[in-house]
Amino acid sequence: LFRLNFDDDMKMMSLENMSRFLKWWSHRYYCRWNLRNAKAHGIGRHSK
């Protein structure tokens, strides 16, 4: 469920007053990691 909704979670997080480095880290590593896992699982190939 977390992986299903990670894209929206990351967009929401980017709106918060997080540090600049955390924004960079989360989008560079965390988003890519979840995208790869979601697509490998198959769920990442479905529509929103």
All heavy atoms as atom14 arrays in JSON, in Angstrom:
{
  "sequence": "LFRLNFDDDMKMMSLENMSRFLKWWSHRYYCRWNLRNAKAHGIGRHSK",
  "atom14_mask": [
    [1, 1, 1, 1, 1, 1, 1, 1, 0, 0, 0, 0, 0, 0],
    [1, 1, 1, 1, 1, 1, 1, 1, 1, 1, 1, 0, 0, 0],
    [1, 1, 1, 1, 1, 1, 1, 1, 1, 1, 1, 0, 0, 0],
    [1, 1, 1, 1, 1, 1, 1, 1, 0, 0, 0, 0, 0, 0],
    [1, 1, 1, 1, 1, 1, 1, 1, 0, 0, 0, 0, 0, 0],
    [1, 1, 1, 1, 1, 1, 1, 1, 1, 1, 1, 0, 0, 0],
    [1, 1, 1, 1, 1, 1, 1, 1, 0, 0, 0, 0, 0, 0],
    [1, 1, 1, 1, 1, 1, 1, 1, 0, 0, 0, 0, 0, 0],
    [1, 1, 1, 1, 1, 1, 1, 1, 0, 0, 0, 0, 0, 0],
    [1, 1, 1, 1, 1, 1, 1, 1, 0, 0, 0, 0, 0, 0],
    [1, 1, 1, 1, 1, 1, 1, 1, 1, 0, 0, 0, 0, 0],
    [1, 1, 1, 1, 1, 1, 1, 1, 0, 0, 0, 0, 0, 0],
    [1, 1, 1, 1, 1, 1, 1, 1, 0, 0, 0, 0, 0, 0],
    [1, 1, 1, 1, 1, 1, 0, 0, 0, 0, 0, 0, 0, 0],
    [1, 1, 1, 1, 1, 1, 1, 1, 0, 0, 0, 0, 0, 0],
    [1, 1, 1, 1, 1, 1, 1, 1, 1, 0, 0, 0, 0, 0],
    [1, 1, 1, 1, 1, 1, 1, 1, 0, 0, 0, 0, 0, 0],
    [1, 1, 1, 1, 1, 1, 1, 1, 0, 0, 0, 0, 0, 0],
    [1, 1, 1, 1, 1, 1, 0, 0, 0, 0, 0, 0, 0, 0],
    [1, 1, 1, 1, 1, 1, 1, 1, 1, 1, 1, 0, 0, 0],
    [1, 1, 1, 1, 1, 1, 1, 1, 1, 1, 1, 0, 0, 0],
    [1, 1, 1, 1, 1, 1, 1, 1, 0, 0, 0, 0, 0, 0],
    [1, 1, 1, 1, 1, 1, 1, 1, 1, 0, 0, 0, 0, 0],
    [1, 1, 1, 1, 1, 1, 1, 1, 1, 1, 1, 1, 1, 1],
    [1, 1, 1, 1, 1, 1, 1, 1, 1, 1, 1, 1, 1, 1],
    [1, 1, 1, 1, 1, 1, 0, 0, 0, 0, 0, 0, 0, 0],
    [1, 1, 1, 1, 1, 1, 1, 1, 1, 1, 0, 0, 0, 0],
    [1, 1, 1, 1, 1, 1, 1, 1, 1, 1, 1, 0, 0, 0],
    [1, 1, 1, 1, 1, 1, 1, 1, 1, 1, 1, 1, 0, 0],
    [1, 1, 1, 1, 1, 1, 1, 1, 1, 1, 1, 1, 0, 0],
    [1, 1, 1, 1, 1, 1, 0, 0, 0, 0, 0, 0, 0, 0],
    [1, 1, 1, 1, 1, 1, 1, 1, 1, 1, 1, 0, 0, 0],
    [1, 1, 1, 1, 1, 1, 1, 1, 1, 1, 1, 1, 1, 1],
    [1, 1, 1, 1, 1, 1, 1, 1, 0, 0, 0, 0, 0, 0],
    [1, 1, 1, 1, 1, 1, 1, 1, 0, 0, 0, 0, 0, 0],
    [1, 1, 1, 1, 1, 1, 1, 1, 1, 1, 1, 0, 0, 0],
    [1, 1, 1, 1, 1, 1, 1, 1, 0, 0, 0, 0, 0, 0],
    [1, 1, 1, 1, 1, 0, 0, 0, 0, 0, 0, 0, 0, 0],
    [1, 1, 1, 1, 1, 1, 1, 1, 1, 0, 0, 0, 0, 0],
    [1, 1, 1, 1, 1, 0, 0, 0, 0, 0, 0, 0, 0, 0],
    [1, 1, 1, 1, 1, 1, 1, 1, 1, 1, 0, 0, 0, 0],
    [1, 1, 1, 1, 0, 0, 0, 0, 0, 0, 0, 0, 0, 0],
    [1, 1, 1, 1, 1, 1, 1, 1, 0, 0, 0, 0, 0, 0],
    [1, 1, 1, 1, 0, 0, 0, 0, 0, 0, 0, 0, 0, 0],
    [1, 1, 1, 1, 1, 1, 1, 1, 1, 1, 1, 0, 0, 0],
    [1, 1, 1, 1, 1, 1, 1, 1, 1, 1, 0, 0, 0, 0],
    [1, 1, 1, 1, 1, 1, 0, 0, 0, 0, 0, 0, 0, 0],
    [1, 1, 1, 1, 1, 1, 1, 1, 1, 0, 0, 0, 0, 0]
  ],
  "atom14_positions": [
    [[0.83, -1.2, 0.0], [0.0, 0.0, 0.0], [0.86, 1.25, 0.0], [0.58, 2.22, -0.69], [-0.92, 0.01, 1.23], [-2.15, -0.89, 1.17], [-2.89, -0.84, 2.49], [-3.07, -0.5, 0.04], [0.0, 0.0, 0.0], [0.0, 0.0, 0.0], [0.0, 0.0, 0.0], [0.0, 0.0, 0.0], [0.0, 0.0, 0.0], [0.0, 0.0, 0.0]],
    [[1.93, 1.22, 0.79], [2.84, 2.37, 0.81], [3.46, 2.58, -0.58], [3.54, 3.7, -1.07], [3.94, 2.15, 1.84], [5.1, 3.1, 1.69], [4.94, 4.46, 1.94], [6.33, 2.63, 1.27], [6.01, 5.33, 1.78], [7.4, 3.5, 1.12], [7.23, 4.85, 1.37], [0.0, 0.0, 0.0], [0.0, 0.0, 0.0], [0.0, 0.0, 0.0]],
    [[3.87, 1.49, -1.21], [4.48, 1.61, -2.52], [3.48, 2.07, -3.57], [3.82, 2.75, -4.52], [5.12, 0.29, -2.93], [6.34, -0.03, -2.07], [6.89, -1.41, -2.34], [8.02, -1.69, -1.46], [8.59, -2.88, -1.34], [8.14, -3.89, -2.04], [9.6, -3.05, -0.52], [0.0, 0.0, 0.0], [0.0, 0.0, 0.0], [0.0, 0.0, 0.0]],
    [[2.2, 1.66, -3.39], [1.17, 2.09, -4.33], [1.02, 3.6, -4.32], [0.79, 4.23, -5.35], [-0.18, 1.47, -3.94], [-0.38, -0.04, -4.16], [-1.77, -0.42, -3.68], [-0.19, -0.42, -5.61], [0.0, 0.0, 0.0], [0.0, 0.0, 0.0], [0.0, 0.0, 0.0], [0.0, 0.0, 0.0], [0.0, 0.0, 0.0], [0.0, 0.0, 0.0]],
    [[1.15, 4.19, -3.14], [0.82, 5.6, -2.98], [2.06, 6.47, -2.84], [1.95, 7.64, -2.52], [-0.07, 5.77, -1.74], [-0.93, 7.01, -1.83], [-1.45, 7.34, -2.88], [-1.08, 7.7, -0.72], [0.0, 0.0, 0.0], [0.0, 0.0, 0.0], [0.0, 0.0, 0.0], [0.0, 0.0, 0.0], [0.0, 0.0, 0.0], [0.0, 0.0, 0.0]],
    [[3.25, 5.91, -3.09], [4.47, 6.66, -2.79], [4.61, 7.92, -3.62], [5.13, 8.92, -3.15], [5.7, 5.76, -3.02], [6.06, 5.59, -4.47], [6.97, 6.43, -5.08], [5.47, 4.58, -5.22], [7.28, 6.27, -6.42], [5.79, 4.43, -6.55], [6.69, 5.27, -7.15], [0.0, 0.0, 0.0], [0.0, 0.0, 0.0], [0.0, 0.0, 0.0]],
    [[4.12, 7.91, -4.85], [4.29, 9.08, -5.71], [3.56, 10.28, -5.13], [4.11, 11.38, -5.04], [3.78, 8.77, -7.11], [4.1, 9.88, -8.11], [5.26, 10.33, -8.12], [3.21, 10.3, -8.84], [0.0, 0.0, 0.0], [0.0, 0.0, 0.0], [0.0, 0.0, 0.0], [0.0, 0.0, 0.0], [0.0, 0.0, 0.0], [0.0, 0.0, 0.0]],
    [[2.31, 10.06, -4.71], [1.55, 11.14, -4.09], [2.16, 11.55, -2.76], [2.18, 12.73, -2.4], [0.08, 10.71, -3.87], [-0.66, 10.6, -5.2], [-0.26, 11.27, -6.16], [-1.63, 9.83, -5.26], [0.0, 0.0, 0.0], [0.0, 0.0, 0.0], [0.0, 0.0, 0.0], [0.0, 0.0, 0.0], [0.0, 0.0, 0.0], [0.0, 0.0, 0.0]],
    [[2.67, 10.56, -2.01], [3.31, 10.88, -0.73], [4.5, 11.79, -0.94], [4.71, 12.75, -0.2], [3.77, 9.59, -0.03], [2.62, 8.78, 0.53], [1.53, 9.37, 0.67], [2.8, 7.6, 0.8], [0.0, 0.0, 0.0], [0.0, 0.0, 0.0], [0.0, 0.0, 0.0], [0.0, 0.0, 0.0], [0.0, 0.0, 0.0], [0.0, 0.0, 0.0]],
    [[5.31, 11.5, -1.96], [6.5, 12.3, -2.21], [6.13, 13.7, -2.66], [6.78, 14.68, -2.3], [7.38, 11.6, -3.25], [8.08, 10.37, -2.7], [9.12, 10.77, -1.28], [9.43, 9.15, -0.6], [0.0, 0.0, 0.0], [0.0, 0.0, 0.0], [0.0, 0.0, 0.0], [0.0, 0.0, 0.0], [0.0, 0.0, 0.0], [0.0, 0.0, 0.0]],
    [[5.06, 13.82, -3.47], [4.61, 15.15, -3.88], [4.14, 15.94, -2.67], [4.41, 17.13, -2.55], [3.48, 15.02, -4.9], [3.94, 14.53, -6.27], [2.77, 14.35, -7.21], [3.25, 13.81, -8.57], [2.11, 13.54, -9.47], [0.0, 0.0, 0.0], [0.0, 0.0, 0.0], [0.0, 0.0, 0.0], [0.0, 0.0, 0.0], [0.0, 0.0, 0.0]],
    [[3.43, 15.26, -1.75], [2.96, 15.93, -0.55], [4.14, 16.34, 0.33], [4.2, 17.45, 0.84], [2.04, 15.01, 0.25], [1.53, 15.62, 1.55], [0.65, 14.41, 2.54], [1.98, 13.31, 3.03], [0.0, 0.0, 0.0], [0.0, 0.0, 0.0], [0.0, 0.0, 0.0], [0.0, 0.0, 0.0], [0.0, 0.0, 0.0], [0.0, 0.0, 0.0]],
    [[5.12, 15.42, 0.44], [6.29, 15.72, 1.27], [7.05, 16.91, 0.73], [7.59, 17.71, 1.49], [7.2, 14.49, 1.33], [6.7, 13.39, 2.25], [7.63, 11.87, 2.02], [9.31, 12.44, 2.27], [0.0, 0.0, 0.0], [0.0, 0.0, 0.0], [0.0, 0.0, 0.0], [0.0, 0.0, 0.0], [0.0, 0.0, 0.0], [0.0, 0.0, 0.0]],
    [[7.1, 17.04, -0.59], [7.89, 18.13, -1.17], [7.28, 19.48, -0.85], [7.94, 20.51, -0.93], [7.99, 17.95, -2.68], [6.73, 18.11, -3.29], [0.0, 0.0, 0.0], [0.0, 0.0, 0.0], [0.0, 0.0, 0.0], [0.0, 0.0, 0.0], [0.0, 0.0, 0.0], [0.0, 0.0, 0.0], [0.0, 0.0, 0.0], [0.0, 0.0, 0.0]],
    [[6.0, 19.48, -0.46], [5.35, 20.73, -0.12], [5.62, 21.13, 1.33], [5.4, 22.27, 1.73], [3.82, 20.61, -0.34], [3.39, 20.33, -1.78], [1.87, 20.15, -1.84], [3.82, 21.45, -2.71], [0.0, 0.0, 0.0], [0.0, 0.0, 0.0], [0.0, 0.0, 0.0], [0.0, 0.0, 0.0], [0.0, 0.0, 0.0], [0.0, 0.0, 0.0]],
    [[6.08, 20.16, 2.12], [6.36, 20.46, 3.52], [7.67, 21.22, 3.63], [8.46, 21.28, 2.71], [6.43, 19.16, 4.34], [5.2, 18.28, 4.22], [3.99, 18.9, 4.88], [4.13, 19.94, 5.55], [2.9, 18.34, 4.71], [0.0, 0.0, 0.0], [0.0, 0.0, 0.0], [0.0, 0.0, 0.0], [0.0, 0.0, 0.0], [0.0, 0.0, 0.0]],
    [[7.91, 21.75, 4.79], [9.12, 22.55, 5.01], [10.29, 21.65, 5.38], [10.9, 21.8, 6.43], [8.86, 23.58, 6.11], [10.02, 24.54, 6.26], [10.76, 24.78, 5.32], [10.18, 25.08, 7.45], [0.0, 0.0, 0.0], [0.0, 0.0, 0.0], [0.0, 0.0, 0.0], [0.0, 0.0, 0.0], [0.0, 0.0, 0.0], [0.0, 0.0, 0.0]],
    [[10.56, 20.66, 4.51], [11.69, 19.78, 4.79], [12.97, 20.44, 4.29], [12.94, 21.38, 3.5], [11.48, 18.42, 4.1], [11.52, 18.49, 2.59], [11.57, 16.86, 1.83], [9.99, 16.2, 2.26], [0.0, 0.0, 0.0], [0.0, 0.0, 0.0], [0.0, 0.0, 0.0], [0.0, 0.0, 0.0], [0.0, 0.0, 0.0], [0.0, 0.0, 0.0]],
    [[14.09, 19.91, 4.75], [15.36, 20.48, 4.34], [15.59, 20.27, 2.85], [15.08, 19.32, 2.26], [16.5, 19.84, 5.14], [16.66, 18.49, 4.77], [0.0, 0.0, 0.0], [0.0, 0.0, 0.0], [0.0, 0.0, 0.0], [0.0, 0.0, 0.0], [0.0, 0.0, 0.0], [0.0, 0.0, 0.0], [0.0, 0.0, 0.0], [0.0, 0.0, 0.0]],
    [[16.38, 21.14, 2.26], [16.65, 21.05, 0.82], [17.34, 19.73, 0.49], [17.04, 19.1, -0.53], [17.52, 22.23, 0.4], [17.78, 22.27, -1.11], [18.58, 23.51, -1.48], [17.85, 24.72, -1.12], [18.35, 25.94, -1.27], [19.59, 26.09, -1.76], [17.66, 27.0, -0.94], [0.0, 0.0, 0.0], [0.0, 0.0, 0.0], [0.0, 0.0, 0.0]],
    [[18.24, 19.29, 1.37], [18.96, 18.05, 1.1], [18.01, 16.86, 1.16], [18.13, 15.93, 0.35], [20.09, 17.86, 2.11], [20.91, 16.62, 1.85], [21.86, 16.6, 0.85], [20.69, 15.47, 2.6], [22.6, 15.45, 0.59], [21.43, 14.33, 2.35], [22.39, 14.32, 1.35], [0.0, 0.0, 0.0], [0.0, 0.0, 0.0], [0.0, 0.0, 0.0]],
    [[17.06, 16.87, 2.1], [16.13, 15.76, 2.2], [15.24, 15.68, 0.97], [14.92, 14.6, 0.49], [15.26, 15.89, 3.46], [14.2, 14.8, 3.67], [14.84, 13.42, 3.64], [13.45, 15.01, 4.96], [0.0, 0.0, 0.0], [0.0, 0.0, 0.0], [0.0, 0.0, 0.0], [0.0, 0.0, 0.0], [0.0, 0.0, 0.0], [0.0, 0.0, 0.0]],
    [[14.82, 16.83, 0.43], [14.05, 16.82, -0.8], [14.84, 16.14, -1.92], [14.33, 15.29, -2.64], [13.7, 18.24, -1.21], [12.66, 18.92, -0.33], [12.38, 20.32, -0.86], [11.4, 21.04, 0.04], [11.12, 22.42, -0.42], [0.0, 0.0, 0.0], [0.0, 0.0, 0.0], [0.0, 0.0, 0.0], [0.0, 0.0, 0.0], [0.0, 0.0, 0.0]],
    [[16.1, 16.54, -2.04], [16.96, 15.96, -3.08], [17.14, 14.46, -2.85], [17.0, 13.66, -3.77], [18.31, 16.66, -3.06], [19.33, 16.03, -3.98], [19.48, 16.25, -5.31], [20.31, 15.05, -3.62], [20.51, 15.48, -5.81], [21.03, 14.73, -4.8], [20.65, 14.42, -2.41], [22.07, 13.81, -4.8], [21.69, 13.5, -2.42], [22.39, 13.2, -3.6]],
    [[17.42, 14.07, -1.61], [17.67, 12.66, -1.29], [16.44, 11.81, -1.55], [16.52, 10.74, -2.14], [18.1, 12.55, 0.16], [18.44, 11.14, 0.59], [19.64, 10.5, 0.5], [17.55, 10.19, 1.2], [19.55, 9.23, 1.0], [18.29, 9.02, 1.43], [16.2, 10.23, 1.56], [17.73, 7.89, 2.0], [15.63, 9.11, 2.13], [16.4, 7.96, 2.36]],
    [[15.27, 12.29, -1.1], [14.05, 11.49, -1.23], [13.68, 11.28, -2.68], [13.28, 10.19, -3.08], [12.9, 12.16, -0.46], [12.59, 13.41, -1.01], [0.0, 0.0, 0.0], [0.0, 0.0, 0.0], [0.0, 0.0, 0.0], [0.0, 0.0, 0.0], [0.0, 0.0, 0.0], [0.0, 0.0, 0.0], [0.0, 0.0, 0.0], [0.0, 0.0, 0.0]],
    [[13.81, 12.32, -3.5], [13.44, 12.18, -4.9], [14.49, 11.41, -5.7], [14.13, 10.66, -6.61], [13.21, 13.56, -5.52], [11.93, 14.18, -5.09], [10.72, 13.85, -5.66], [11.65, 15.09, -4.12], [9.76, 14.54, -5.08], [10.3, 15.3, -4.14], [0.0, 0.0, 0.0], [0.0, 0.0, 0.0], [0.0, 0.0, 0.0], [0.0, 0.0, 0.0]],
    [[15.74, 11.57, -5.36], [16.8, 10.89, -6.11], [16.85, 9.4, -5.8], [17.0, 8.56, -6.71], [18.16, 11.51, -5.8], [19.32, 10.86, -6.57], [20.62, 11.6, -6.31], [21.74, 10.94, -6.94], [22.11, 11.11, -8.2], [21.41, 11.92, -8.97], [23.16, 10.49, -8.7], [0.0, 0.0, 0.0], [0.0, 0.0, 0.0], [0.0, 0.0, 0.0]],
    [[16.71, 9.04, -4.53], [16.87, 7.65, -4.13], [15.54, 6.96, -3.83], [15.25, 5.89, -4.34], [17.8, 7.54, -2.92], [19.22, 7.92, -3.25], [19.73, 9.16, -2.9], [20.05, 7.03, -3.94], [21.03, 9.51, -3.22], [21.35, 7.37, -4.26], [21.84, 8.62, -3.89], [23.12, 8.97, -4.22], [0.0, 0.0, 0.0], [0.0, 0.0, 0.0]],
    [[14.72, 7.57, -2.96], [13.53, 6.89, -2.5], [12.52, 6.71, -3.62], [11.93, 5.66, -3.79], [12.92, 7.68, -1.33], [12.36, 6.79, -0.27], [13.17, 5.87, 0.38], [11.01, 6.85, 0.09], [12.68, 5.05, 1.36], [10.5, 6.03, 1.08], [11.35, 5.13, 1.71], [10.84, 4.31, 2.67], [0.0, 0.0, 0.0], [0.0, 0.0, 0.0]],
    [[12.28, 7.75, -4.42], [11.32, 7.65, -5.52], [11.78, 6.63, -6.55], [10.99, 5.81, -7.01], [11.11, 9.01, -6.18], [10.07, 10.13, -5.23], [0.0, 0.0, 0.0], [0.0, 0.0, 0.0], [0.0, 0.0, 0.0], [0.0, 0.0, 0.0], [0.0, 0.0, 0.0], [0.0, 0.0, 0.0], [0.0, 0.0, 0.0], [0.0, 0.0, 0.0]],
    [[13.06, 6.69, -6.92], [13.55, 5.75, -7.91], [13.45, 4.31, -7.42], [13.11, 3.4, -8.17], [15.0, 6.08, -8.26], [15.17, 7.36, -9.08], [16.63, 7.59, -9.42], [16.81, 8.83, -10.18], [17.98, 9.27, -10.58], [19.07, 8.59, -10.29], [18.08, 10.4, -11.27], [0.0, 0.0, 0.0], [0.0, 0.0, 0.0], [0.0, 0.0, 0.0]],
    [[13.76, 4.12, -6.13], [13.7, 2.77, -5.55], [12.28, 2.24, -5.6], [12.04, 1.1, -5.99], [14.2, 2.85, -4.11], [14.1, 1.56, -3.35], [14.91, 0.47, -3.45], [13.13, 1.24, -2.35], [14.5, -0.5, -2.57], [13.42, -0.06, -1.89], [12.05, 1.93, -1.8], [12.66, -0.69, -0.92], [11.29, 1.3, -0.82], [11.6, 0.0, -0.39]],
    [[11.29, 3.06, -5.22], [9.91, 2.6, -5.22], [9.37, 2.42, -6.64], [8.59, 1.5, -6.89], [9.04, 3.6, -4.45], [9.07, 3.33, -2.96], [8.71, 2.26, -2.51], [9.54, 4.29, -2.19], [0.0, 0.0, 0.0], [0.0, 0.0, 0.0], [0.0, 0.0, 0.0], [0.0, 0.0, 0.0], [0.0, 0.0, 0.0], [0.0, 0.0, 0.0]],
    [[9.75, 3.3, -7.55], [9.33, 3.12, -8.94], [9.83, 1.79, -9.49], [9.08, 1.05, -10.13], [9.88, 4.27, -9.79], [8.99, 5.49, -9.99], [9.76, 6.57, -10.71], [7.73, 5.11, -10.76], [0.0, 0.0, 0.0], [0.0, 0.0, 0.0], [0.0, 0.0, 0.0], [0.0, 0.0, 0.0], [0.0, 0.0, 0.0], [0.0, 0.0, 0.0]],
    [[11.09, 1.49, -9.24], [11.67, 0.25, -9.74], [10.97, -0.96, -9.13], [10.61, -1.91, -9.84], [13.16, 0.21, -9.41], [13.89, -1.0, -9.99], [15.4, -0.88, -9.85], [15.8, -0.8, -8.46], [16.29, 0.31, -7.89], [16.41, 1.43, -8.59], [16.66, 0.31, -6.62], [0.0, 0.0, 0.0], [0.0, 0.0, 0.0], [0.0, 0.0, 0.0]],
    [[10.74, -0.93, -7.8], [10.08, -2.05, -7.15], [8.63, -2.2, -7.6], [8.13, -3.31, -7.8], [10.11, -1.86, -5.62], [11.47, -2.18, -5.04], [12.32, -2.73, -5.72], [11.67, -1.84, -3.79], [0.0, 0.0, 0.0], [0.0, 0.0, 0.0], [0.0, 0.0, 0.0], [0.0, 0.0, 0.0], [0.0, 0.0, 0.0], [0.0, 0.0, 0.0]],
    [[7.92, -1.08, -7.74], [6.52, -1.13, -8.14], [6.37, -1.69, -9.55], [5.48, -2.5, -9.83], [5.9, 0.26, -8.05], [0.0, 0.0, 0.0], [0.0, 0.0, 0.0], [0.0, 0.0, 0.0], [0.0, 0.0, 0.0], [0.0, 0.0, 0.0], [0.0, 0.0, 0.0], [0.0, 0.0, 0.0], [0.0, 0.0, 0.0], [0.0, 0.0, 0.0]],
    [[7.25, -1.28, -10.45], [7.17, -1.77, -11.82], [7.58, -3.24, -11.89], [7.0, -4.02, -12.66], [8.04, -0.91, -12.73], [7.45, 0.46, -13.0], [8.28, 1.26, -13.98], [7.6, 2.6, -14.28], [8.38, 3.43, -15.22], [0.0, 0.0, 0.0], [0.0, 0.0, 0.0], [0.0, 0.0, 0.0], [0.0, 0.0, 0.0], [0.0, 0.0, 0.0]],
    [[8.57, -3.63, -11.1], [8.99, -5.03, -11.08], [7.87, -5.92, -10.56], [7.65, -7.03, -11.03], [10.25, -5.19, -10.23], [0.0, 0.0, 0.0], [0.0, 0.0, 0.0], [0.0, 0.0, 0.0], [0.0, 0.0, 0.0], [0.0, 0.0, 0.0], [0.0, 0.0, 0.0], [0.0, 0.0, 0.0], [0.0, 0.0, 0.0], [0.0, 0.0, 0.0]],
    [[7.16, -5.42, -9.56], [6.03, -6.17, -8.99], [4.88, -6.25, -9.97], [4.11, -7.22, -9.97], [5.57, -5.49, -7.69], [4.46, -6.2, -7.01], [3.13, -5.96, -7.32], [4.45, -7.15, -6.03], [2.36, -6.72, -6.56], [3.13, -7.44, -5.77], [0.0, 0.0, 0.0], [0.0, 0.0, 0.0], [0.0, 0.0, 0.0], [0.0, 0.0, 0.0]],
    [[4.74, -5.23, -10.8], [3.64, -5.19, -11.77], [2.63, -4.13, -11.46], [1.94, -3.62, -12.35], [0.0, 0.0, 0.0], [0.0, 0.0, 0.0], [0.0, 0.0, 0.0], [0.0, 0.0, 0.0], [0.0, 0.0, 0.0], [0.0, 0.0, 0.0], [0.0, 0.0, 0.0], [0.0, 0.0, 0.0], [0.0, 0.0, 0.0], [0.0, 0.0, 0.0]],
    [[2.51, -3.74, -10.18], [1.5, -2.76, -9.77], [1.8, -1.39, -10.35], [0.9, -0.59, -10.6], [1.4, -2.7, -8.22], [0.06, -2.08, -7.8], [2.56, -1.94, -7.63], [-1.11, -2.97, -8.06], [0.0, 0.0, 0.0], [0.0, 0.0, 0.0], [0.0, 0.0, 0.0], [0.0, 0.0, 0.0], [0.0, 0.0, 0.0], [0.0, 0.0, 0.0]],
    [[3.09, -1.12, -10.59], [3.48, 0.18, -11.11], [3.11, 0.39, -12.57], [3.32, 1.47, -13.11], [0.0, 0.0, 0.0], [0.0, 0.0, 0.0], [0.0, 0.0, 0.0], [0.0, 0.0, 0.0], [0.0, 0.0, 0.0], [0.0, 0.0, 0.0], [0.0, 0.0, 0.0], [0.0, 0.0, 0.0], [0.0, 0.0, 0.0], [0.0, 0.0, 0.0]],
    [[2.55, -0.63, -13.2], [2.16, -0.53, -14.6], [0.69, -0.15, -14.76], [0.22, 0.04, -15.88], [2.46, -1.85, -15.32], [3.92, -2.26, -15.19], [4.17, -3.64, -15.79], [5.5, -4.12, -15.43], [6.61, -3.83, -16.09], [6.54, -3.06, -17.15], [7.78, -4.31, -15.71], [0.0, 0.0, 0.0], [0.0, 0.0, 0.0], [0.0, 0.0, 0.0]],
    [[-0.04, -0.08, -13.63], [-1.46, 0.28, -13.68], [-1.63, 1.79, -13.68], [-0.72, 2.54, -13.29], [-2.21, -0.31, -12.48], [-2.25, -1.81, -12.48], [-2.67, -2.54, -13.56], [-1.93, -2.71, -11.51], [-2.61, -3.84, -13.27], [-2.15, -3.96, -12.03], [0.0, 0.0, 0.0], [0.0, 0.0, 0.0], [0.0, 0.0, 0.0], [0.0, 0.0, 0.0]],
    [[-2.83, 2.24, -14.07], [-3.14, 3.67, -14.03], [-3.34, 4.11, -12.59], [-3.54, 3.28, -11.69], [-4.41, 3.96, -14.83], [-5.54, 3.4, -14.18], [0.0, 0.0, 0.0], [0.0, 0.0, 0.0], [0.0, 0.0, 0.0], [0.0, 0.0, 0.0], [0.0, 0.0, 0.0], [0.0, 0.0, 0.0], [0.0, 0.0, 0.0], [0.0, 0.0, 0.0]],
    [[-3.32, 5.43, -12.36], [-3.55, 5.97, -11.02], [-4.9, 5.53, -10.48], [-5.04, 5.19, -9.3], [-3.47, 7.49, -11.05], [-2.07, 8.04, -11.14], [-1.39, 7.94, -9.79], [-0.03, 8.58, -9.82], [0.65, 8.48, -8.52], [0.0, 0.0, 0.0], [0.0, 0.0, 0.0], [0.0, 0.0, 0.0], [0.0, 0.0, 0.0], [0.0, 0.0, 0.0]]
  ]
}
